[in-house]
Protein backbone atom coordinates (compact mmCIF):
# COMPACT_ATOMS: atom_id res chain seq x y z
CA MET A 1 13.11 -26.90 3.70
CA LYS A 2 14.09 -27.68 0.17
CA VAL A 3 12.82 -25.39 -2.50
CA GLU A 4 13.42 -26.02 -6.15
CA LEU A 5 13.61 -23.19 -8.44
CA ASN A 6 12.58 -23.31 -12.16
CA PRO A 7 15.40 -22.15 -14.96
CA ASP A 8 13.97 -18.76 -15.00
CA GLN A 9 13.99 -18.29 -11.65
CA GLU A 10 17.54 -19.67 -10.76
CA ALA A 11 18.79 -17.16 -13.87
CA PHE A 12 16.96 -14.25 -12.49
CA ILE A 13 18.49 -14.75 -8.64
CA ARG A 14 22.11 -15.63 -10.38
CA GLN A 15 21.74 -12.26 -12.45
CA ALA A 16 20.77 -10.52 -9.43
CA ILE A 17 23.77 -12.18 -7.26
CA LYS A 18 26.11 -11.09 -10.44
CA ASP A 19 24.81 -7.44 -10.32
CA GLY A 20 25.17 -7.22 -6.37
CA ARG A 21 21.30 -6.68 -5.71
CA VAL A 22 21.37 -9.64 -3.39
CA ALA A 23 24.25 -11.79 -1.77
CA SER A 24 22.74 -15.32 -2.18
CA THR A 25 20.09 -17.67 -3.66
CA GLU A 26 18.79 -17.62 0.36
CA ASP A 27 18.89 -13.73 0.55
CA ALA A 28 16.64 -13.53 -2.75
CA VAL A 29 14.24 -16.07 -1.04
CA GLN A 30 14.09 -14.40 2.00
CA GLU A 31 13.52 -10.85 0.11
CA ALA A 32 10.57 -12.94 -1.67
CA LEU A 33 9.21 -13.99 1.17
CA GLN A 34 9.24 -10.86 2.87
CA LEU A 35 7.31 -8.91 -0.18
CA TRP A 36 5.14 -11.65 -0.17
CA GLU A 37 3.87 -11.32 3.57
CA TYR A 38 3.72 -7.52 3.18
CA ARG A 39 1.55 -8.16 0.28
CA GLU A 40 -0.70 -10.27 2.23
CA ARG A 41 -0.88 -7.97 5.55
CA ARG A 42 -1.76 -5.08 2.82
CA ARG A 43 -4.32 -7.33 1.11
CA GLY A 44 -5.89 -8.27 4.84
CA GLU A 45 -5.75 -4.56 5.49
CA ILE A 46 -7.65 -3.61 2.34
CA LEU A 47 -10.23 -6.40 2.92
CA ALA A 48 -10.91 -5.21 6.18
CA ALA A 49 -11.19 -1.57 5.07
CA VAL A 50 -13.83 -2.92 2.45
CA GLU A 51 -15.49 -4.71 4.94
CA ALA A 52 -15.60 -1.63 7.22
CA ALA A 53 -17.17 0.75 4.36
CA GLU A 54 -19.67 -1.85 3.68
CA ALA A 55 -20.82 -1.93 7.46
CA SER A 56 -21.07 2.14 7.34
CA ILE A 57 -22.90 1.92 4.32
CA ASP A 58 -25.50 -0.74 5.81
CA ARG A 59 -25.80 1.69 8.69
CA GLY A 60 -26.63 4.55 6.73
CA GLU A 61 -23.87 6.24 7.09
CA GLY A 62 -22.63 6.62 3.38
CA MET A 63 -22.79 9.38 0.93
CA ALA A 64 -24.54 9.54 -2.48
CA MET A 65 -21.77 10.44 -5.02
CA ASN A 66 -22.47 12.85 -7.57
CA GLU A 67 -20.55 15.35 -9.33
CA GLU A 68 -21.59 18.29 -6.62
CA SER A 69 -21.12 15.80 -3.63
CA ILE A 70 -17.50 14.88 -5.65
CA ARG A 71 -17.01 18.93 -5.86
CA LYS A 72 -17.95 19.63 -2.46
CA LEU A 73 -15.63 16.78 -0.96
CA SER A 74 -12.76 17.97 -2.60
CA GLU A 75 -13.01 21.62 -1.34
CA GLU A 76 -13.53 20.54 2.10
CA VAL A 77 -10.23 18.22 1.48
CA LYS A 78 -8.23 20.92 0.02
CA ARG A 79 -9.77 23.41 3.08
CA ARG A 80 -8.45 21.17 5.52
CA GLY A 81 -5.26 20.36 4.18
CA ARG A 82 -4.38 24.27 3.63
CA SER A 83 -5.46 24.84 7.04
CA ARG A 84 -2.88 21.84 8.46
CA LEU A 85 -0.11 23.24 6.42
CA LEU A 86 -0.86 26.61 7.90
CA CYS A 87 -0.40 25.46 11.22
CA HIS A 88 2.72 23.79 10.29
CA LEU A 89 4.41 26.17 8.50
CA SER A 90 3.56 28.68 11.62
CA THR A 91 5.53 26.62 13.86
CA PHE A 92 8.78 27.56 11.67
CA LEU A 93 7.74 31.53 11.40
């Protein structure tokens, strides 16, 4: 497959090769594709999580968020975190 880069992209890659960040143009393109694939996978995961959240809300499993509910949720998360930390610390004592 032949890929044509614009002059700015070519200069960017030449500089990356010069600086030792990549070994070749092919390596730069491979890395760019890997990042694109990663971004697309994450995008799919995020969309799936949004769909799951919307389905949960549709089933009535959601919770109205206001100052009080956010405060309670924050306290519960802190409590669980501290409990987990104590469990982990106890293995070192």
